[in-house]
């Protein structure tokens, strides 16, 4: 299901919504401070393809899988963007919203990300 705010974001960027069902998993880095980036790879298995973190992306393996339903508690500001299709990114900060397409996100190997 796509919310009204998700539909509006997809319309602004001229894309067909691809819902993120609440029961699929996303990767959320639990630490960090600063801007809130997110990116979407193609969904695979029980995952929606989303990875979301705060601040700089670390090389550390600090992403925890959790069901998309929990994002409303942890990072509610991301909810309007979760129907963007695979290949899309966002960066949220106070008074800032950047959303763009990144073809490289679709080029994932057989083993995943």
PDB file of N, CA and C in Angstrom:
ATOM      1  N   UNK A   1       0.835  -1.180   0.000  1.00  0.00           N
ATOM      2  CA  UNK A   1       0.000   0.000   0.000  1.00  0.00           C
ATOM      3  C   UNK A   1       0.887   1.253   0.000  1.00  0.00           C
ATOM      4  N   UNK A   2       0.488   2.238  -0.762  1.00  0.00           N
ATOM      5  CA  UNK A   2       1.232   3.489  -0.878  1.00  0.00           C
ATOM      6  C   UNK A   2       0.429   4.589  -0.188  1.00  0.00           C
ATOM      7  N   UNK A   3       1.075   5.313   0.720  1.00  0.00           N
ATOM      8  CA  UNK A   3       0.401   6.401   1.424  1.00  0.00           C
ATOM      9  C   UNK A   3       0.273   7.622   0.506  1.00  0.00           C
ATOM     10  N   UNK A   4      -0.540   8.561   0.932  1.00  0.00           N
ATOM     11  CA  UNK A   4      -0.706   9.792   0.159  1.00  0.00           C
ATOM     12  C   UNK A   4       0.617  10.540   0.026  1.00  0.00           C
ATOM     13  N   UNK A   5       1.383  10.629   1.121  1.00  0.00           N
ATOM     14  CA  UNK A   5       2.669  11.344   1.049  1.00  0.00           C
ATOM     15  C   UNK A   5       3.656  10.617   0.138  1.00  0.00           C
ATOM     16  N   UNK A   6       3.624   9.286   0.117  1.00  0.00           N
ATOM     17  CA  UNK A   6       4.503   8.525  -0.775  1.00  0.00           C
ATOM     18  C   UNK A   6       4.103   8.744  -2.235  1.00  0.00           C
ATOM     19  N   UNK A   7       2.796   8.753  -2.492  1.00  0.00           N
ATOM     20  CA  UNK A   7       2.301   8.998  -3.846  1.00  0.00           C
ATOM     21  C   UNK A   7       2.730  10.381  -4.322  1.00  0.00           C
ATOM     22  N   UNK A   8       2.646  11.373  -3.439  1.00  0.00           N
ATOM     23  CA  UNK A   8       3.039  12.740  -3.805  1.00  0.00           C
ATOM     24  C   UNK A   8       4.526  12.837  -4.131  1.00  0.00           C
ATOM     25  N   UNK A   9       5.372  12.167  -3.341  1.00  0.00           N
ATOM     26  CA  UNK A   9       6.812  12.181  -3.624  1.00  0.00           C
ATOM     27  C   UNK A   9       7.077  11.541  -4.982  1.00  0.00           C
ATOM     28  N   UNK A  10       6.465  10.406  -5.248  1.00  0.00           N
ATOM     29  CA  UNK A  10       6.680   9.726  -6.532  1.00  0.00           C
ATOM     30  C   UNK A  10       6.187  10.582  -7.699  1.00  0.00           C
ATOM     31  N   UNK A  11       5.065  11.259  -7.527  1.00  0.00           N
ATOM     32  CA  UNK A  11       4.567  12.143  -8.587  1.00  0.00           C
ATOM     33  C   UNK A  11       5.525  13.296  -8.839  1.00  0.00           C
ATOM     34  N   UNK A  12       6.083  13.874  -7.776  1.00  0.00           N
ATOM     35  CA  UNK A  12       7.034  14.990  -7.946  1.00  0.00           C
ATOM     36  C   UNK A  12       8.236  14.588  -8.781  1.00  0.00           C
ATOM     37  N   UNK A  13       8.657  13.319  -8.650  1.00  0.00           N
ATOM     38  CA  UNK A  13       9.851  12.861  -9.360  1.00  0.00           C
ATOM     39  C   UNK A  13       9.525  12.028 -10.599  1.00  0.00           C
ATOM     40  N   UNK A  14       8.232  11.939 -10.920  1.00  0.00           N
ATOM     41  CA  UNK A  14       7.814  11.290 -12.160  1.00  0.00           C
ATOM     42  C   UNK A  14       8.069   9.801 -12.221  1.00  0.00           C
ATOM     43  N   UNK A  15       7.903   9.116 -11.080  1.00  0.00           N
ATOM     44  CA  UNK A  15       8.133   7.670 -11.052  1.00  0.00           C
ATOM     45  C   UNK A  15       6.882   6.941 -10.581  1.00  0.00           C
ATOM     46  N   UNK A  16       6.778   5.705 -10.989  1.00  0.00           N
ATOM     47  CA  UNK A  16       5.701   4.838 -10.526  1.00  0.00           C
ATOM     48  C   UNK A  16       6.078   4.288  -9.161  1.00  0.00           C
ATOM     49  N   UNK A  17       5.197   4.420  -8.172  1.00  0.00           N
ATOM     50  CA  UNK A  17       5.528   3.936  -6.828  1.00  0.00           C
ATOM     51  C   UNK A  17       5.774   2.427  -6.781  1.00  0.00           C
ATOM     52  N   UNK A  18       6.748   2.036  -5.979  1.00  0.00           N
ATOM     53  CA  UNK A  18       7.020   0.636  -5.667  1.00  0.00           C
ATOM     54  C   UNK A  18       6.944   0.544  -4.141  1.00  0.00           C
ATOM     55  N   UNK A  19       5.829   0.043  -3.623  1.00  0.00           N
ATOM     56  CA  UNK A  19       5.627   0.042  -2.168  1.00  0.00           C
ATOM     57  C   UNK A  19       6.707  -0.723  -1.417  1.00  0.00           C
ATOM     58  N   UNK A  20       6.875  -0.332  -0.170  1.00  0.00           N
ATOM     59  CA  UNK A  20       7.722  -1.050   0.776  1.00  0.00           C
ATOM     60  C   UNK A  20       6.783  -1.667   1.816  1.00  0.00           C
ATOM     61  N   UNK A  21       6.408  -2.924   1.645  1.00  0.00           N
ATOM     62  CA  UNK A  21       5.501  -3.551   2.608  1.00  0.00           C
ATOM     63  C   UNK A  21       6.107  -3.587   4.013  1.00  0.00           C
ATOM     64  N   UNK A  22       5.269  -3.387   5.013  1.00  0.00           N
ATOM     65  CA  UNK A  22       5.710  -3.352   6.406  1.00  0.00           C
ATOM     66  C   UNK A  22       6.427  -4.620   6.848  1.00  0.00           C
ATOM     67  N   UNK A  23       6.111  -5.759   6.221  1.00  0.00           N
ATOM     68  CA  UNK A  23       6.713  -7.018   6.667  1.00  0.00           C
ATOM     69  C   UNK A  23       8.050  -7.326   5.997  1.00  0.00           C
ATOM     70  N   UNK A  24       8.477  -6.477   5.039  1.00  0.00           N
ATOM     71  CA  UNK A  24       9.798  -6.681   4.440  1.00  0.00           C
ATOM     72  C   UNK A  24      10.847  -5.980   5.289  1.00  0.00           C
ATOM     73  N   UNK A  25      12.071  -6.458   5.189  1.00  0.00           N
ATOM     74  CA  UNK A  25      13.166  -5.902   5.989  1.00  0.00           C
ATOM     75  C   UNK A  25      13.910  -4.808   5.239  1.00  0.00           C
ATOM     76  N   UNK A  26      14.425  -3.859   6.014  1.00  0.00           N
ATOM     77  CA  UNK A  26      15.295  -2.806   5.512  1.00  0.00           C
ATOM     78  C   UNK A  26      16.573  -2.847   6.341  1.00  0.00           C
ATOM     79  N   UNK A  27      17.641  -2.263   5.823  1.00  0.00           N
ATOM     80  CA  UNK A  27      18.878  -2.143   6.585  1.00  0.00           C
ATOM     81  C   UNK A  27      18.932  -0.758   7.193  1.00  0.00           C
ATOM     82  N   UNK A  28      19.029  -0.691   8.504  1.00  0.00           N
ATOM     83  CA  UNK A  28      19.097   0.594   9.199  1.00  0.00           C
ATOM     84  C   UNK A  28      20.334   0.610  10.073  1.00  0.00           C
ATOM     85  N   UNK A  29      21.203   1.597   9.842  1.00  0.00           N
ATOM     86  CA  UNK A  29      22.375   1.778  10.703  1.00  0.00           C
ATOM     87  C   UNK A  29      21.902   2.564  11.918  1.00  0.00           C
ATOM     88  N   UNK A  30      22.064   1.981  13.067  1.00  0.00           N
ATOM     89  CA  UNK A  30      21.472   2.521  14.285  1.00  0.00           C
ATOM     90  C   UNK A  30      22.255   3.681  14.887  1.00  0.00           C
ATOM     91  N   UNK A  31      23.515   3.848  14.534  1.00  0.00           N
ATOM     92  CA  UNK A  31      24.318   4.930  15.097  1.00  0.00           C
ATOM     93  C   UNK A  31      24.413   6.113  14.159  1.00  0.00           C
ATOM     94  N   UNK A  32      25.281   7.036  14.503  1.00  0.00           N
ATOM     95  CA  UNK A  32      25.558   8.167  13.638  1.00  0.00           C
ATOM     96  C   UNK A  32      24.725   9.389  13.953  1.00  0.00           C
ATOM     97  N   UNK A  33      25.194  10.514  13.451  1.00  0.00           N
ATOM     98  CA  UNK A  33      24.523  11.800  13.586  1.00  0.00           C
ATOM     99  C   UNK A  33      24.572  12.501  12.246  1.00  0.00           C
ATOM    100  N   UNK A  34      23.731  13.477  12.068  1.00  0.00           N
ATOM    101  CA  UNK A  34      23.777  14.287  10.861  1.00  0.00           C
ATOM    102  C   UNK A  34      22.689  13.962   9.879  1.00  0.00           C
ATOM    103  N   UNK A  35      22.924  14.284   8.605  1.00  0.00           N
ATOM    104  CA  UNK A  35      21.920  14.064   7.558  1.00  0.00           C
ATOM    105  C   UNK A  35      21.496  12.604   7.499  1.00  0.00           C
ATOM    106  N   UNK A  36      20.325  12.387   6.927  1.00  0.00           N
ATOM    107  CA  UNK A  36      19.727  11.056   6.858  1.00  0.00           C
ATOM    108  C   UNK A  36      19.643  10.604   5.403  1.00  0.00           C
ATOM    109  N   UNK A  37      20.641   9.836   4.932  1.00  0.00           N
ATOM    110  CA  UNK A  37      20.596   9.301   3.573  1.00  0.00           C
ATOM    111  C   UNK A  37      19.894   7.944   3.528  1.00  0.00           C
ATOM    112  N   UNK A  38      19.354   7.656   2.360  1.00  0.00           N
ATOM    113  CA  UNK A  38      18.777   6.339   2.109  1.00  0.00           C
ATOM    114  C   UNK A  38      18.958   5.990   0.650  1.00  0.00           C
ATOM    115  N   UNK A  39      19.066   4.706   0.364  1.00  0.00           N
ATOM    116  CA  UNK A  39      19.182   4.244  -1.018  1.00  0.00           C
ATOM    117  C   UNK A  39      18.436   2.925  -1.153  1.00  0.00           C
ATOM    118  N   UNK A  40      17.968   2.666  -2.386  1.00  0.00           N
ATOM    119  CA  UNK A  40      17.194   1.446  -2.620  1.00  0.00           C
ATOM    120  C   UNK A  40      17.778   0.619  -3.751  1.00  0.00           C
ATOM    121  N   UNK A  41      18.201  -0.587  -3.379  1.00  0.00           N
ATOM    122  CA  UNK A  41      18.583  -1.610  -4.346  1.00  0.00           C
ATOM    123  C   UNK A  41      17.317  -2.380  -4.724  1.00  0.00           C
ATOM    124  N   UNK A  42      17.382  -3.238  -5.722  1.00  0.00           N
ATOM    125  CA  UNK A  42      16.207  -4.057  -6.033  1.00  0.00           C
ATOM    126  C   UNK A  42      15.836  -4.949  -4.840  1.00  0.00           C
ATOM    127  N   UNK A  43      14.541  -5.089  -4.561  1.00  0.00           N
ATOM    128  CA  UNK A  43      14.114  -6.006  -3.491  1.00  0.00           C
ATOM    129  C   UNK A  43      14.582  -7.429  -3.806  1.00  0.00           C
ATOM    130  N   UNK A  44      14.878  -8.163  -2.762  1.00  0.00           N
ATOM    131  CA  UNK A  44      15.331  -9.544  -2.940  1.00  0.00           C
ATOM    132  C   UNK A  44      14.885 -10.355  -1.725  1.00  0.00           C
ATOM    133  N   UNK A  45      14.168 -11.430  -1.963  1.00  0.00           N
ATOM    134  CA  UNK A  45      13.716 -12.272  -0.863  1.00  0.00           C
ATOM    135  C   UNK A  45      12.830 -11.507   0.097  1.00  0.00           C
ATOM    136  N   UNK A  46      13.253 -11.463   1.349  1.00  0.00           N
ATOM    137  CA  UNK A  46      12.473 -10.802   2.398  1.00  0.00           C
ATOM    138  C   UNK A  46      12.906  -9.356   2.624  1.00  0.00           C
ATOM    139  N   UNK A  47      13.723  -8.811   1.713  1.00  0.00           N
ATOM    140  CA  UNK A  47      14.198  -7.438   1.887  1.00  0.00           C
ATOM    141  C   UNK A  47      13.547  -6.504   0.871  1.00  0.00           C
ATOM    142  N   UNK A  48      13.360  -5.246   1.274  1.00  0.00           N
ATOM    143  CA  UNK A  48      12.761  -4.224   0.407  1.00  0.00           C
ATOM    144  C   UNK A  48      13.803  -3.512  -0.437  1.00  0.00           C
ATOM    145  N   UNK A  49      15.090  -3.735  -0.135  1.00  0.00           N
ATOM    146  CA  UNK A  49      16.167  -3.088  -0.870  1.00  0.00           C
ATOM    147  C   UNK A  49      16.654  -1.787  -0.259  1.00  0.00           C
ATOM    148  N   UNK A  50      15.995  -1.296   0.786  1.00  0.00           N
ATOM    149  CA  UNK A  50      16.364  -0.019   1.400  1.00  0.00           C
ATOM    150  C   UNK A  50      17.494  -0.160   2.400  1.00  0.00           C
ATOM    151  N   UNK A  51      18.417   0.818   2.363  1.00  0.00           N
ATOM    152  CA  UNK A  51      19.462   0.991   3.372  1.00  0.00           C
ATOM    153  C   UNK A  51      19.403   2.445   3.798  1.00  0.00           C
ATOM    154  N   UNK A  52      19.298   2.672   5.096  1.00  0.00           N
ATOM    155  CA  UNK A  52      19.144   4.014   5.650  1.00  0.00           C
ATOM    156  C   UNK A  52      20.133   4.177   6.798  1.00  0.00           C
ATOM    157  N   UNK A  53      20.776   5.340   6.877  1.00  0.00           N
ATOM    158  CA  UNK A  53      21.756   5.593   7.943  1.00  0.00           C
ATOM    159  C   UNK A  53      21.786   7.080   8.248  1.00  0.00           C
ATOM    160  N   UNK A  54      22.550   7.474   9.250  1.00  0.00           N
ATOM    161  CA  UNK A  54      22.743   8.897   9.577  1.00  0.00           C
ATOM    162  C   UNK A  54      24.215   9.249   9.394  1.00  0.00           C
ATOM    163  N   UNK A  55      24.474  10.456   8.898  1.00  0.00           N
ATOM    164  CA  UNK A  55      25.845  10.926   8.752  1.00  0.00           C
ATOM    165  C   UNK A  55      26.560  10.246   7.603  1.00  0.00           C
ATOM    166  N   UNK A  56      27.843  10.027   7.795  1.00  0.00           N
ATOM    167  CA  UNK A  56      28.680   9.410   6.766  1.00  0.00           C
ATOM    168  C   UNK A  56      28.473   7.899   6.745  1.00  0.00           C
ATOM    169  N   UNK A  57      28.508   7.323   5.557  1.00  0.00           N
ATOM    170  CA  UNK A  57      28.406   5.874   5.417  1.00  0.00           C
ATOM    171  C   UNK A  57      29.706   5.253   5.888  1.00  0.00           C
ATOM    172  N   UNK A  58      29.595   4.339   6.814  1.00  0.00           N
ATOM    173  CA  UNK A  58      30.762   3.687   7.395  1.00  0.00           C
ATOM    174  C   UNK A  58      31.066   2.407   6.637  1.00  0.00           C
ATOM    175  N   UNK A  59      32.317   2.015   6.647  1.00  0.00           N
ATOM    176  CA  UNK A  59      32.667   0.721   6.067  1.00  0.00           C
ATOM    177  C   UNK A  59      32.367  -0.406   7.051  1.00  0.00           C
ATOM    178  N   UNK A  60      32.048  -0.026   8.280  1.00  0.00           N
ATOM    179  CA  UNK A  60      31.708  -1.023   9.292  1.00  0.00           C
ATOM    180  C   UNK A  60      30.362  -1.646   8.953  1.00  0.00           C
ATOM    181  N   UNK A  61      30.194  -2.866   9.371  1.00  0.00           N
ATOM    182  CA  UNK A  61      28.949  -3.583   9.120  1.00  0.00           C
ATOM    183  C   UNK A  61      27.974  -3.272  10.257  1.00  0.00           C
ATOM    184  N   UNK A  62      27.449  -2.028  10.271  1.00  0.00           N
ATOM    185  CA  UNK A  62      26.587  -1.627  11.375  1.00  0.00           C
ATOM    186  C   UNK A  62      25.118  -1.527  10.986  1.00  0.00           C
ATOM    187  N   UNK A  63      24.736  -2.099   9.855  1.00  0.00           N
ATOM    188  CA  UNK A  63      23.340  -2.123   9.448  1.00  0.00           C
ATOM    189  C   UNK A  63      22.629  -3.284  10.126  1.00  0.00           C
ATOM    190  N   UNK A  64      21.508  -2.966  10.755  1.00  0.00           N
ATOM    191  CA  UNK A  64      20.697  -3.992  11.399  1.00  0.00           C
ATOM    192  C   UNK A  64      19.432  -4.189  10.568  1.00  0.00           C
ATOM    193  N   UNK A  65      19.073  -5.430  10.294  1.00  0.00           N
ATOM    194  CA  UNK A  65      17.824  -5.649   9.559  1.00  0.00           C
ATOM    195  C   UNK A  65      16.635  -5.453  10.499  1.00  0.00           C
ATOM    196  N   UNK A  66      15.635  -4.734  10.037  1.00  0.00           N
ATOM    197  CA  UNK A  66      14.396  -4.639  10.793  1.00  0.00           C
ATOM    198  C   UNK A  66      13.253  -4.464   9.816  1.00  0.00           C
ATOM    199  N   UNK A  67      12.075  -4.821  10.258  1.00  0.00           N
ATOM    200  CA  UNK A  67      10.913  -4.717   9.390  1.00  0.00           C
ATOM    201  C   UNK A  67      10.594  -3.252   9.122  1.00  0.00           C
ATOM    202  N   UNK A  68      10.148  -2.970   7.917  1.00  0.00           N
ATOM    203  CA  UNK A  68       9.846  -1.601   7.514  1.00  0.00           C
ATOM    204  C   UNK A  68       8.828  -0.948   8.446  1.00  0.00           C
ATOM    205  N   UNK A  69       7.965  -1.723   9.052  1.00  0.00           N
ATOM    206  CA  UNK A  69       6.964  -1.173   9.971  1.00  0.00           C
ATOM    207  C   UNK A  69       7.615  -0.398  11.113  1.00  0.00           C
ATOM    208  N   UNK A  70       8.842  -0.744  11.499  1.00  0.00           N
ATOM    209  CA  UNK A  70       9.511  -0.090  12.625  1.00  0.00           C
ATOM    210  C   UNK A  70      10.137   1.258  12.255  1.00  0.00           C
ATOM    211  N   UNK A  71      10.194   1.580  10.975  1.00  0.00           N
ATOM    212  CA  UNK A  71      10.776   2.861  10.575  1.00  0.00           C
ATOM    213  C   UNK A  71       9.941   4.039  11.078  1.00  0.00           C
ATOM    214  N   UNK A  72       8.657   3.841  11.254  1.00  0.00           N
ATOM    215  CA  UNK A  72       7.796   4.913  11.771  1.00  0.00           C
ATOM    216  C   UNK A  72       8.241   5.357  13.156  1.00  0.00           C
ATOM    217  N   UNK A  73       8.796   4.438  13.936  1.00  0.00           N
ATOM    218  CA  UNK A  73       9.294   4.760  15.281  1.00  0.00           C
ATOM    219  C   UNK A  73      10.708   5.323  15.231  1.00  0.00           C
ATOM    220  N   UNK A  74      11.543   4.759  14.381  1.00  0.00           N
ATOM    221  CA  UNK A  74      12.973   5.088  14.370  1.00  0.00           C
ATOM    222  C   UNK A  74      13.327   6.306  13.516  1.00  0.00           C
ATOM    223  N   UNK A  75      12.791   6.352  12.296  1.00  0.00           N
ATOM    224  CA  UNK A  75      13.105   7.435  11.356  1.00  0.00           C
ATOM    225  C   UNK A  75      11.840   7.822  10.568  1.00  0.00           C
ATOM    226  N   UNK A  76      10.861   8.409  11.245  1.00  0.00           N
ATOM    227  CA  UNK A  76       9.580   8.694  10.591  1.00  0.00           C
ATOM    228  C   UNK A  76       9.693   9.639   9.393  1.00  0.00           C
ATOM    229  N   UNK A  77      10.733  10.458   9.375  1.00  0.00           N
ATOM    230  CA  UNK A  77      10.902  11.401   8.266  1.00  0.00           C
ATOM    231  C   UNK A  77      11.190  10.704   6.942  1.00  0.00           C
ATOM    232  N   UNK A  78      11.554   9.419   6.981  1.00  0.00           N
ATOM    233  CA  UNK A  78      11.831   8.686   5.747  1.00  0.00           C
ATOM    234  C   UNK A  78      10.569   8.121   5.094  1.00  0.00           C
ATOM    235  N   UNK A  79       9.488   8.021   5.823  1.00  0.00           N
ATOM    236  CA  UNK A  79       8.290   7.334   5.327  1.00  0.00           C
ATOM    237  C   UNK A  79       7.781   7.839   3.979  1.00  0.00           C
ATOM    238  N   UNK A  80       7.753   9.153   3.710  1.00  0.00           N
ATOM    239  CA  UNK A  80       7.257   9.598   2.402  1.00  0.00           C
ATOM    240  C   UNK A  80       8.097   9.118   1.212  1.00  0.00           C
ATOM    241  N   UNK A  81       9.319   8.679   1.443  1.00  0.00           N
ATOM    242  CA  UNK A  81      10.232   8.307   0.361  1.00  0.00           C
ATOM    243  C   UNK A  81      10.266   6.803   0.084  1.00  0.00           C
ATOM    244  N   UNK A  82       9.603   6.026   0.904  1.00  0.00           N
ATOM    245  CA  UNK A  82       9.744   4.568   0.835  1.00  0.00           C
ATOM    246  C   UNK A  82       9.025   3.902  -0.333  1.00  0.00           C
ATOM    247  N   UNK A  83       8.317   4.655  -1.156  1.00  0.00           N
ATOM    248  CA  UNK A  83       7.724   4.074  -2.364  1.00  0.00           C
ATOM    249  C   UNK A  83       8.546   4.424  -3.606  1.00  0.00           C
ATOM    250  N   UNK A  84       9.662   5.147  -3.420  1.00  0.00           N
ATOM    251  CA  UNK A  84      10.544   5.376  -4.564  1.00  0.00           C
ATOM    252  C   UNK A  84      11.053   4.026  -5.055  1.00  0.00           C
ATOM    253  N   UNK A  85      11.139   3.847  -6.364  1.00  0.00           N
ATOM    254  CA  UNK A  85      11.569   2.553  -6.890  1.00  0.00           C
ATOM    255  C   UNK A  85      13.053   2.281  -6.666  1.00  0.00           C
ATOM    256  N   UNK A  86      13.463   1.034  -6.865  1.00  0.00           N
ATOM    257  CA  UNK A  86      14.886   0.714  -6.803  1.00  0.00           C
ATOM    258  C   UNK A  86      15.668   1.631  -7.743  1.00  0.00           C
ATOM    259  N   UNK A  87      16.863   2.019  -7.291  1.00  0.00           N
ATOM    260  CA  UNK A  87      17.711   2.918  -8.064  1.00  0.00           C
ATOM    261  C   UNK A  87      17.619   4.363  -7.593  1.00  0.00           C
ATOM    262  N   UNK A  88      16.799   4.621  -6.606  1.00  0.00           N
ATOM    263  CA  UNK A  88      16.624   5.986  -6.106  1.00  0.00           C
ATOM    264  C   UNK A  88      17.291   6.166  -4.760  1.00  0.00           C
ATOM    265  N   UNK A  89      17.711   7.402  -4.511  1.00  0.00           N
ATOM    266  CA  UNK A  89      18.356   7.800  -3.259  1.00  0.00           C
ATOM    267  C   UNK A  89      17.658   9.034  -2.709  1.00  0.00           C
ATOM    268  N   UNK A  90      17.817   9.243  -1.418  1.00  0.00           N
ATOM    269  CA  UNK A  90      17.405  10.507  -0.820  1.00  0.00           C
ATOM    270  C   UNK A  90      18.415  10.916   0.231  1.00  0.00           C
ATOM    271  N   UNK A  91      18.433  12.205   0.522  1.00  0.00           N
ATOM    272  CA  UNK A  91      19.261  12.767   1.585  1.00  0.00           C
ATOM    273  C   UNK A  91      18.407  13.828   2.265  1.00  0.00           C
ATOM    274  N   UNK A  92      18.131  13.617   3.549  1.00  0.00           N
ATOM    275  CA  UNK A  92      17.274  14.520   4.307  1.00  0.00           C
ATOM    276  C   UNK A  92      18.079  15.187   5.416  1.00  0.00           C
ATOM    277  N   UNK A  93      17.884  16.476   5.567  1.00  0.00           N
ATOM    278  CA  UNK A  93      18.509  17.258   6.629  1.00  0.00           C
ATOM    279  C   UNK A  93      17.565  18.426   6.901  1.00  0.00           C
ATOM    280  N   UNK A  94      17.760  19.118   8.007  1.00  0.00           N
ATOM    281  CA  UNK A  94      16.899  20.277   8.257  1.00  0.00           C
ATOM    282  C   UNK A  94      16.923  21.239   7.062  1.00  0.00           C
ATOM    283  N   UNK A  95      15.751  21.589   6.573  1.00  0.00           N
ATOM    284  CA  UNK A  95      15.602  22.509   5.437  1.00  0.00           C
ATOM    285  C   UNK A  95      16.272  22.015   4.159  1.00  0.00           C
ATOM    286  N   UNK A  96      16.409  20.697   4.039  1.00  0.00           N
ATOM    287  CA  UNK A  96      17.047  20.147   2.831  1.00  0.00           C
ATOM    288  C   UNK A  96      16.413  18.810   2.467  1.00  0.00           C
ATOM    289  N   UNK A  97      16.173  18.653   1.174  1.00  0.00           N
ATOM    290  CA  UNK A  97      15.688  17.394   0.623  1.00  0.00           C
ATOM    291  C   UNK A  97      16.336  17.224  -0.735  1.00  0.00           C
ATOM    292  N   UNK A  98      17.162  16.195  -0.867  1.00  0.00           N
ATOM    293  CA  UNK A  98      17.735  15.836  -2.160  1.00  0.00           C
ATOM    294  C   UNK A  98      17.238  14.444  -2.502  1.00  0.00           C
ATOM    295  N   UNK A  99      16.743  14.286  -3.718  1.00  0.00           N
ATOM    296  CA  UNK A  99      16.259  12.991  -4.200  1.00  0.00           C
ATOM    297  C   UNK A  99      16.779  12.831  -5.618  1.00  0.00           C
ATOM    298  N   UNK A 100      17.398  11.686  -5.914  1.00  0.00           N
ATOM    299  CA  UNK A 100      17.952  11.485  -7.252  1.00  0.00           C
ATOM    300  C   UNK A 100      18.028  10.006  -7.589  1.00  0.00           C
ATOM    301  N   UNK A 101      18.133   9.759  -8.896  1.00  0.00           N
ATOM    302  CA  UNK A 101      18.244   8.410  -9.431  1.00  0.00           C
ATOM    303  C   UNK A 101      19.710   8.056  -9.600  1.00  0.00           C
ATOM    304  N   UNK A 102      20.052   6.818  -9.250  1.00  0.00           N
ATOM    305  CA  UNK A 102      21.431   6.336  -9.349  1.00  0.00           C
ATOM    306  C   UNK A 102      21.409   4.933  -9.959  1.00  0.00           C
ATOM    307  N   UNK A 103      21.647   4.853 -11.249  1.00  0.00           N
ATOM    308  CA  UNK A 103      21.621   3.584 -11.986  1.00  0.00           C
ATOM    309  C   UNK A 103      22.501   2.513 -11.336  1.00  0.00           C
ATOM    310  N   UNK A 104      23.602   2.914 -10.722  1.00  0.00           N
ATOM    311  CA  UNK A 104      24.534   1.948 -10.134  1.00  0.00           C
ATOM    312  C   UNK A 104      23.864   1.113  -9.032  1.00  0.00           C
ATOM    313  N   UNK A 105      22.820   1.622  -8.414  1.00  0.00           N
ATOM    314  CA  UNK A 105      22.136   0.863  -7.357  1.00  0.00           C
ATOM    315  C   UNK A 105      21.440  -0.373  -7.892  1.00  0.00           C
ATOM    316  N   UNK A 106      21.203  -0.401  -9.191  1.00  0.00           N
ATOM    317  CA  UNK A 106      20.536  -1.560  -9.803  1.00  0.00           C
ATOM    318  C   UNK A 106      21.515  -2.658 -10.174  1.00  0.00           C
ATOM    319  N   UNK A 107      22.803  -2.331 -10.170  1.00  0.00           N
ATOM    320  CA  UNK A 107      23.851  -3.273 -10.564  1.00  0.00           C
ATOM    321  C   UNK A 107      24.406  -3.994  -9.345  1.00  0.00           C
ATOM    322  N   UNK A 108      23.623  -4.916  -8.804  1.00  0.00           N
ATOM    323  CA  UNK A 108      24.096  -5.687  -7.652  1.00  0.00           C
ATOM    324  C   UNK A 108      24.384  -7.108  -8.131  1.00  0.00           C
ATOM    325  N   UNK A 109      25.398  -7.693  -7.543  1.00  0.00           N
ATOM    326  CA  UNK A 109      25.800  -9.036  -7.926  1.00  0.00           C
ATOM    327  C   UNK A 109      24.856 -10.094  -7.406  1.00  0.00           C
ATOM    328  N   UNK A 110      25.116 -11.316  -7.782  1.00  0.00           N
ATOM    329  CA  UNK A 110      24.292 -12.448  -7.360  1.00  0.00           C
ATOM    330  C   UNK A 110      24.246 -12.605  -5.849  1.00  0.00           C
ATOM    331  N   UNK A 111      25.308 -12.202  -5.158  1.00  0.00           N
ATOM    332  CA  UNK A 111      25.360 -12.377  -3.715  1.00  0.00           C
ATOM    333  C   UNK A 111      24.644 -11.258  -2.976  1.00  0.00           C
ATOM    334  N   UNK A 112      24.117 -10.269  -3.687  1.00  0.00           N
ATOM    335  CA  UNK A 112      23.414  -9.156  -3.021  1.00  0.00           C
ATOM    336  C   UNK A 112      24.227  -7.900  -3.099  1.00  0.00           C
ATOM    337  N   UNK A 113      24.114  -7.089  -2.063  1.00  0.00           N
ATOM    338  CA  UNK A 113      24.751  -5.771  -2.028  1.00  0.00           C
ATOM    339  C   UNK A 113      26.254  -5.872  -1.970  1.00  0.00           C
TER     340      UNK A 113
END
